[in-house]
PDB file of N, CA and C in Angstrom:
ATOM      1  N   UNK A   1     103.278 109.252  87.224  1.00  0.00           N
ATOM      2  CA  UNK A   1     104.142 108.270  87.824  1.00  0.00           C
ATOM      3  C   UNK A   1     103.386 106.951  87.959  1.00  0.00           C
ATOM      4  N   UNK A   2     103.974 105.906  87.463  1.00  0.00           N
ATOM      5  CA  UNK A   2     103.355 104.594  87.519  1.00  0.00           C
ATOM      6  C   UNK A   2     103.997 103.768  88.626  1.00  0.00           C
ATOM      7  N   UNK A   3     103.167 103.092  89.380  1.00  0.00           N
ATOM      8  CA  UNK A   3     103.642 102.229  90.471  1.00  0.00           C
ATOM      9  C   UNK A   3     103.150 100.818  90.186  1.00  0.00           C
ATOM     10  N   UNK A   4     103.980  99.841  90.407  1.00  0.00           N
ATOM     11  CA  UNK A   4     103.586  98.453  90.201  1.00  0.00           C
ATOM     12  C   UNK A   4     103.315  97.774  91.529  1.00  0.00           C
ATOM     13  N   UNK A   5     102.319  96.924  91.543  1.00  0.00           N
ATOM     14  CA  UNK A   5     101.950  96.147  92.721  1.00  0.00           C
ATOM     15  C   UNK A   5     101.840  94.683  92.318  1.00  0.00           C
ATOM     16  N   UNK A   6     101.941  93.803  93.278  1.00  0.00           N
ATOM     17  CA  UNK A   6     101.879  92.371  93.014  1.00  0.00           C
ATOM     18  C   UNK A   6     100.534  91.818  93.470  1.00  0.00           C
ATOM     19  N   UNK A   7      99.757  91.308  92.511  1.00  0.00           N
ATOM     20  CA  UNK A   7      98.496  90.644  92.834  1.00  0.00           C
ATOM     21  C   UNK A   7      98.784  89.148  92.953  1.00  0.00           C
ATOM     22  N   UNK A   8      98.472  88.592  94.103  1.00  0.00           N
ATOM     23  CA  UNK A   8      98.605  87.152  94.315  1.00  0.00           C
ATOM     24  C   UNK A   8      97.229  86.545  94.084  1.00  0.00           C
ATOM     25  N   UNK A   9      97.097  85.714  93.043  1.00  0.00           N
ATOM     26  CA  UNK A   9      95.783  85.190  92.670  1.00  0.00           C
ATOM     27  C   UNK A   9      95.838  83.670  92.543  1.00  0.00           C
ATOM     28  N   UNK A  10      94.659  83.052  92.719  1.00  0.00           N
ATOM     29  CA  UNK A  10      94.548  81.614  92.485  1.00  0.00           C
ATOM     30  C   UNK A  10      93.088  81.246  92.291  1.00  0.00           C
ATOM     31  N   UNK A  11      92.898  80.105  91.648  1.00  0.00           N
ATOM     32  CA  UNK A  11      91.556  79.575  91.433  1.00  0.00           C
ATOM     33  C   UNK A  11      91.333  78.453  92.433  1.00  0.00           C
ATOM     34  N   UNK A  12      90.191  78.485  93.095  1.00  0.00           N
ATOM     35  CA  UNK A  12      89.850  77.437  94.042  1.00  0.00           C
ATOM     36  C   UNK A  12      88.335  77.247  94.085  1.00  0.00           C
ATOM     37  N   UNK A  13      87.904  76.036  93.912  1.00  0.00           N
ATOM     38  CA  UNK A  13      86.493  75.657  93.988  1.00  0.00           C
ATOM     39  C   UNK A  13      85.597  76.544  93.114  1.00  0.00           C
ATOM     40  N   UNK A  14      86.052  76.831  91.899  1.00  0.00           N
ATOM     41  CA  UNK A  14      85.239  77.590  90.964  1.00  0.00           C
ATOM     42  C   UNK A  14      85.294  79.096  91.143  1.00  0.00           C
ATOM     43  N   UNK A  15      86.102  79.572  92.049  1.00  0.00           N
ATOM     44  CA  UNK A  15      86.256  81.006  92.287  1.00  0.00           C
ATOM     45  C   UNK A  15      87.709  81.403  92.129  1.00  0.00           C
ATOM     46  N   UNK A  16      87.925  82.610  91.626  1.00  0.00           N
ATOM     47  CA  UNK A  16      89.256  83.203  91.601  1.00  0.00           C
ATOM     48  C   UNK A  16      89.343  84.163  92.771  1.00  0.00           C
ATOM     49  N   UNK A  17      90.380  84.015  93.582  1.00  0.00           N
ATOM     50  CA  UNK A  17      90.573  84.897  94.726  1.00  0.00           C
ATOM     51  C   UNK A  17      91.945  85.551  94.619  1.00  0.00           C
ATOM     52  N   UNK A  18      92.070  86.727  95.195  1.00  0.00           N
ATOM     53  CA  UNK A  18      93.354  87.400  95.126  1.00  0.00           C
ATOM     54  C   UNK A  18      93.467  88.546  96.099  1.00  0.00           C
ATOM     55  N   UNK A  19      94.685  88.962  96.308  1.00  0.00           N
ATOM     56  CA  UNK A  19      94.963  90.117  97.142  1.00  0.00           C
ATOM     57  C   UNK A  19      96.216  90.817  96.621  1.00  0.00           C
ATOM     58  N   UNK A  20      96.429  92.034  97.088  1.00  0.00           N
ATOM     59  CA  UNK A  20      97.614  92.796  96.731  1.00  0.00           C
ATOM     60  C   UNK A  20      98.657  92.569  97.816  1.00  0.00           C
ATOM     61  N   UNK A  21      99.802  92.058  97.421  1.00  0.00           N
ATOM     62  CA  UNK A  21     100.855  91.697  98.363  1.00  0.00           C
ATOM     63  C   UNK A  21     101.314  92.888  99.205  1.00  0.00           C
ATOM     64  N   UNK A  22     101.470  94.043  98.583  1.00  0.00           N
ATOM     65  CA  UNK A  22     102.068  95.179  99.263  1.00  0.00           C
ATOM     66  C   UNK A  22     101.110  95.973 100.150  1.00  0.00           C
ATOM     67  N   UNK A  23      99.806  95.765  99.994  1.00  0.00           N
ATOM     68  CA  UNK A  23      98.830  96.553 100.752  1.00  0.00           C
ATOM     69  C   UNK A  23      97.807  95.625 101.406  1.00  0.00           C
ATOM     70  N   UNK A  24      97.897  95.456 102.717  1.00  0.00           N
ATOM     71  CA  UNK A  24      96.931  94.599 103.416  1.00  0.00           C
ATOM     72  C   UNK A  24      95.502  95.122 103.249  1.00  0.00           C
ATOM     73  N   UNK A  25      94.562  94.220 103.205  1.00  0.00           N
ATOM     74  CA  UNK A  25      93.159  94.598 103.173  1.00  0.00           C
ATOM     75  C   UNK A  25      92.528  94.643 101.796  1.00  0.00           C
ATOM     76  N   UNK A  26      93.322  94.506 100.747  1.00  0.00           N
ATOM     77  CA  UNK A  26      92.748  94.466  99.403  1.00  0.00           C
ATOM     78  C   UNK A  26      92.600  93.000  99.020  1.00  0.00           C
ATOM     79  N   UNK A  27      91.388  92.496  99.156  1.00  0.00           N
ATOM     80  CA  UNK A  27      91.068  91.104  98.857  1.00  0.00           C
ATOM     81  C   UNK A  27      89.843  91.078  97.964  1.00  0.00           C
ATOM     82  N   UNK A  28      89.877  90.271  96.918  1.00  0.00           N
ATOM     83  CA  UNK A  28      88.753  90.183  95.994  1.00  0.00           C
ATOM     84  C   UNK A  28      88.486  88.728  95.630  1.00  0.00           C
ATOM     85  N   UNK A  29      87.247  88.490  95.178  1.00  0.00           N
ATOM     86  CA  UNK A  29      86.837  87.153  94.745  1.00  0.00           C
ATOM     87  C   UNK A  29      85.879  87.308  93.576  1.00  0.00           C
ATOM     88  N   UNK A  30      86.149  86.601  92.491  1.00  0.00           N
ATOM     89  CA  UNK A  30      85.294  86.661  91.303  1.00  0.00           C
ATOM     90  C   UNK A  30      85.243  85.289  90.646  1.00  0.00           C
ATOM     91  N   UNK A  31      84.297  85.102  89.726  1.00  0.00           N
ATOM     92  CA  UNK A  31      84.120  83.823  89.036  1.00  0.00           C
ATOM     93  C   UNK A  31      85.180  83.553  87.979  1.00  0.00           C
ATOM     94  N   UNK A  32      85.726  84.610  87.364  1.00  0.00           N
ATOM     95  CA  UNK A  32      86.737  84.404  86.332  1.00  0.00           C
ATOM     96  C   UNK A  32      88.010  85.172  86.682  1.00  0.00           C
ATOM     97  N   UNK A  33      89.103  84.747  86.069  1.00  0.00           N
ATOM     98  CA  UNK A  33      90.391  85.409  86.282  1.00  0.00           C
ATOM     99  C   UNK A  33      90.323  86.857  85.800  1.00  0.00           C
ATOM    100  N   UNK A  34      89.729  87.067  84.650  1.00  0.00           N
ATOM    101  CA  UNK A  34      89.623  88.407  84.088  1.00  0.00           C
ATOM    102  C   UNK A  34      88.809  89.330  84.985  1.00  0.00           C
ATOM    103  N   UNK A  35      87.668  88.829  85.497  1.00  0.00           N
ATOM    104  CA  UNK A  35      86.847  89.624  86.418  1.00  0.00           C
ATOM    105  C   UNK A  35      87.620  89.940  87.693  1.00  0.00           C
ATOM    106  N   UNK A  36      88.402  88.984  88.175  1.00  0.00           N
ATOM    107  CA  UNK A  36      89.205  89.211  89.384  1.00  0.00           C
ATOM    108  C   UNK A  36      90.212  90.323  89.156  1.00  0.00           C
ATOM    109  N   UNK A  37      90.902  90.292  88.022  1.00  0.00           N
ATOM    110  CA  UNK A  37      91.910  91.321  87.763  1.00  0.00           C
ATOM    111  C   UNK A  37      91.278  92.710  87.663  1.00  0.00           C
ATOM    112  N   UNK A  38      90.100  92.808  87.065  1.00  0.00           N
ATOM    113  CA  UNK A  38      89.387  94.087  87.005  1.00  0.00           C
ATOM    114  C   UNK A  38      89.006  94.536  88.412  1.00  0.00           C
ATOM    115  N   UNK A  39      88.467  93.619  89.192  1.00  0.00           N
ATOM    116  CA  UNK A  39      88.005  93.924  90.541  1.00  0.00           C
ATOM    117  C   UNK A  39      89.155  94.338  91.460  1.00  0.00           C
ATOM    118  N   UNK A  40      90.254  93.610  91.403  1.00  0.00           N
ATOM    119  CA  UNK A  40      91.373  93.899  92.287  1.00  0.00           C
ATOM    120  C   UNK A  40      92.057  95.214  91.899  1.00  0.00           C
ATOM    121  N   UNK A  41      92.104  95.504  90.596  1.00  0.00           N
ATOM    122  CA  UNK A  41      92.655  96.791  90.130  1.00  0.00           C
ATOM    123  C   UNK A  41      91.775  97.947  90.630  1.00  0.00           C
ATOM    124  N   UNK A  42      90.472  97.773  90.553  1.00  0.00           N
ATOM    125  CA  UNK A  42      89.541  98.791  91.023  1.00  0.00           C
ATOM    126  C   UNK A  42      89.677  99.010  92.529  1.00  0.00           C
ATOM    127  N   UNK A  43      89.760  97.924  93.286  1.00  0.00           N
ATOM    128  CA  UNK A  43      89.925  98.029  94.741  1.00  0.00           C
ATOM    129  C   UNK A  43      91.234  98.728  95.091  1.00  0.00           C
ATOM    130  N   UNK A  44      92.297  98.419  94.365  1.00  0.00           N
ATOM    131  CA  UNK A  44      93.590  99.067  94.592  1.00  0.00           C
ATOM    132  C   UNK A  44      93.494 100.567  94.337  1.00  0.00           C
ATOM    133  N   UNK A  45      92.878 100.951  93.217  1.00  0.00           N
ATOM    134  CA  UNK A  45      92.717 102.378  92.914  1.00  0.00           C
ATOM    135  C   UNK A  45      91.911 103.081  94.002  1.00  0.00           C
ATOM    136  N   UNK A  46      90.834 102.432  94.464  1.00  0.00           N
ATOM    137  CA  UNK A  46      89.991 103.029  95.504  1.00  0.00           C
ATOM    138  C   UNK A  46      90.768 103.257  96.800  1.00  0.00           C
ATOM    139  N   UNK A  47      91.505 102.260  97.256  1.00  0.00           N
ATOM    140  CA  UNK A  47      92.218 102.398  98.525  1.00  0.00           C
ATOM    141  C   UNK A  47      93.344 103.409  98.413  1.00  0.00           C
ATOM    142  N   UNK A  48      94.019 103.474  97.269  1.00  0.00           N
ATOM    143  CA  UNK A  48      95.071 104.469  97.091  1.00  0.00           C
ATOM    144  C   UNK A  48      94.481 105.882  97.112  1.00  0.00           C
ATOM    145  N   UNK A  49      93.320 106.074  96.495  1.00  0.00           N
ATOM    146  CA  UNK A  49      92.664 107.379  96.512  1.00  0.00           C
ATOM    147  C   UNK A  49      92.243 107.754  97.929  1.00  0.00           C
ATOM    148  N   UNK A  50      91.682 106.813  98.674  1.00  0.00           N
ATOM    149  CA  UNK A  50      91.305 107.093 100.063  1.00  0.00           C
ATOM    150  C   UNK A  50      92.530 107.461 100.896  1.00  0.00           C
ATOM    151  N   UNK A  51      93.635 106.743 100.695  1.00  0.00           N
ATOM    152  CA  UNK A  51      94.868 107.056 101.422  1.00  0.00           C
ATOM    153  C   UNK A  51      95.385 108.439 101.041  1.00  0.00           C
ATOM    154  N   UNK A  52      95.288 108.792  99.757  1.00  0.00           N
ATOM    155  CA  UNK A  52      95.715 110.114  99.283  1.00  0.00           C
ATOM    156  C   UNK A  52      94.880 111.215  99.931  1.00  0.00           C
ATOM    157  N   UNK A  53      93.565 111.009  99.991  1.00  0.00           N
ATOM    158  CA  UNK A  53      92.676 111.986 100.622  1.00  0.00           C
ATOM    159  C   UNK A  53      92.995 112.144 102.096  1.00  0.00           C
ATOM    160  N   UNK A  54      93.272 111.036 102.783  1.00  0.00           N
ATOM    161  CA  UNK A  54      93.630 111.086 104.196  1.00  0.00           C
ATOM    162  C   UNK A  54      94.938 111.858 104.389  1.00  0.00           C
ATOM    163  N   UNK A  55      95.912 111.609 103.534  1.00  0.00           N
ATOM    164  CA  UNK A  55      97.192 112.311 103.620  1.00  0.00           C
ATOM    165  C   UNK A  55      97.006 113.806 103.381  1.00  0.00           C
ATOM    166  N   UNK A  56      96.149 114.171 102.441  1.00  0.00           N
ATOM    167  CA  UNK A  56      95.885 115.582 102.166  1.00  0.00           C
ATOM    168  C   UNK A  56      95.276 116.264 103.384  1.00  0.00           C
ATOM    169  N   UNK A  57      94.346 115.608 104.042  1.00  0.00           N
ATOM    170  CA  UNK A  57      93.745 116.166 105.261  1.00  0.00           C
ATOM    171  C   UNK A  57      94.796 116.368 106.347  1.00  0.00           C
ATOM    172  N   UNK A  58      95.716 115.425 106.461  1.00  0.00           N
ATOM    173  CA  UNK A  58      96.766 115.545 107.478  1.00  0.00           C
ATOM    174  C   UNK A  58      97.666 116.740 107.201  1.00  0.00           C
ATOM    175  N   UNK A  59      98.041 116.937 105.940  1.00  0.00           N
ATOM    176  CA  UNK A  59      98.883 118.082 105.576  1.00  0.00           C
ATOM    177  C   UNK A  59      98.161 119.380 105.902  1.00  0.00           C
ATOM    178  N   UNK A  60      96.871 119.401 105.632  1.00  0.00           N
ATOM    179  CA  UNK A  60      96.077 120.596 105.942  1.00  0.00           C
ATOM    180  C   UNK A  60      96.008 120.854 107.441  1.00  0.00           C
ATOM    181  N   UNK A  61      96.269 119.835 108.250  1.00  0.00           N
ATOM    182  CA  UNK A  61      96.223 119.961 109.708  1.00  0.00           C
ATOM    183  C   UNK A  61      97.612 120.013 110.329  1.00  0.00           C
ATOM    184  N   UNK A  62      98.594 120.473 109.571  1.00  0.00           N
ATOM    185  CA  UNK A  62      99.894 120.751 110.154  1.00  0.00           C
ATOM    186  C   UNK A  62     100.989 119.739 109.893  1.00  0.00           C
ATOM    187  N   UNK A  63     100.675 118.603 109.286  1.00  0.00           N
ATOM    188  CA  UNK A  63     101.724 117.642 108.953  1.00  0.00           C
ATOM    189  C   UNK A  63     102.524 118.158 107.762  1.00  0.00           C
ATOM    190  N   UNK A  64     103.776 117.785 107.694  1.00  0.00           N
ATOM    191  CA  UNK A  64     104.631 118.134 106.560  1.00  0.00           C
ATOM    192  C   UNK A  64     104.698 116.942 105.610  1.00  0.00           C
ATOM    193  N   UNK A  65     104.524 117.171 104.327  1.00  0.00           N
ATOM    194  CA  UNK A  65     104.627 116.112 103.328  1.00  0.00           C
ATOM    195  C   UNK A  65     106.065 116.070 102.793  1.00  0.00           C
ATOM    196  N   UNK A  66     106.724 114.939 102.938  1.00  0.00           N
ATOM    197  CA  UNK A  66     108.103 114.764 102.491  1.00  0.00           C
ATOM    198  C   UNK A  66     108.150 113.549 101.577  1.00  0.00           C
ATOM    199  N   UNK A  67     108.681 113.690 100.389  1.00  0.00           N
ATOM    200  CA  UNK A  67     108.808 112.575  99.448  1.00  0.00           C
ATOM    201  C   UNK A  67     110.064 111.785  99.791  1.00  0.00           C
ATOM    202  N   UNK A  68     109.926 110.466  99.910  1.00  0.00           N
ATOM    203  CA  UNK A  68     111.070 109.604 100.200  1.00  0.00           C
ATOM    204  C   UNK A  68     111.155 108.509  99.155  1.00  0.00           C
ATOM    205  N   UNK A  69     112.340 108.007  98.937  1.00  0.00           N
ATOM    206  CA  UNK A  69     112.559 106.897  98.011  1.00  0.00           C
ATOM    207  C   UNK A  69     113.252 105.777  98.766  1.00  0.00           C
ATOM    208  N   UNK A  70     112.973 104.567  98.340  1.00  0.00           N
ATOM    209  CA  UNK A  70     113.671 103.425  98.957  1.00  0.00           C
ATOM    210  C   UNK A  70     114.366 102.629  97.886  1.00  0.00           C
TER     211      UNK A  70
END
């Protein structure tokens, strides 16, 4: 299953900065646009994996996992 996210990026004072609109806390800064996109994609994958691991621990501790759609 593929999920799309929105990276808000801009160049300022020789640096490219960006964040993921849908997930607070994913912020990156790199010298080039290409490096920023690699970095922000990596950060997104990392945080999603950490969230998945946390959810798995919760299910193991009695929470029920229910899939919802919006």
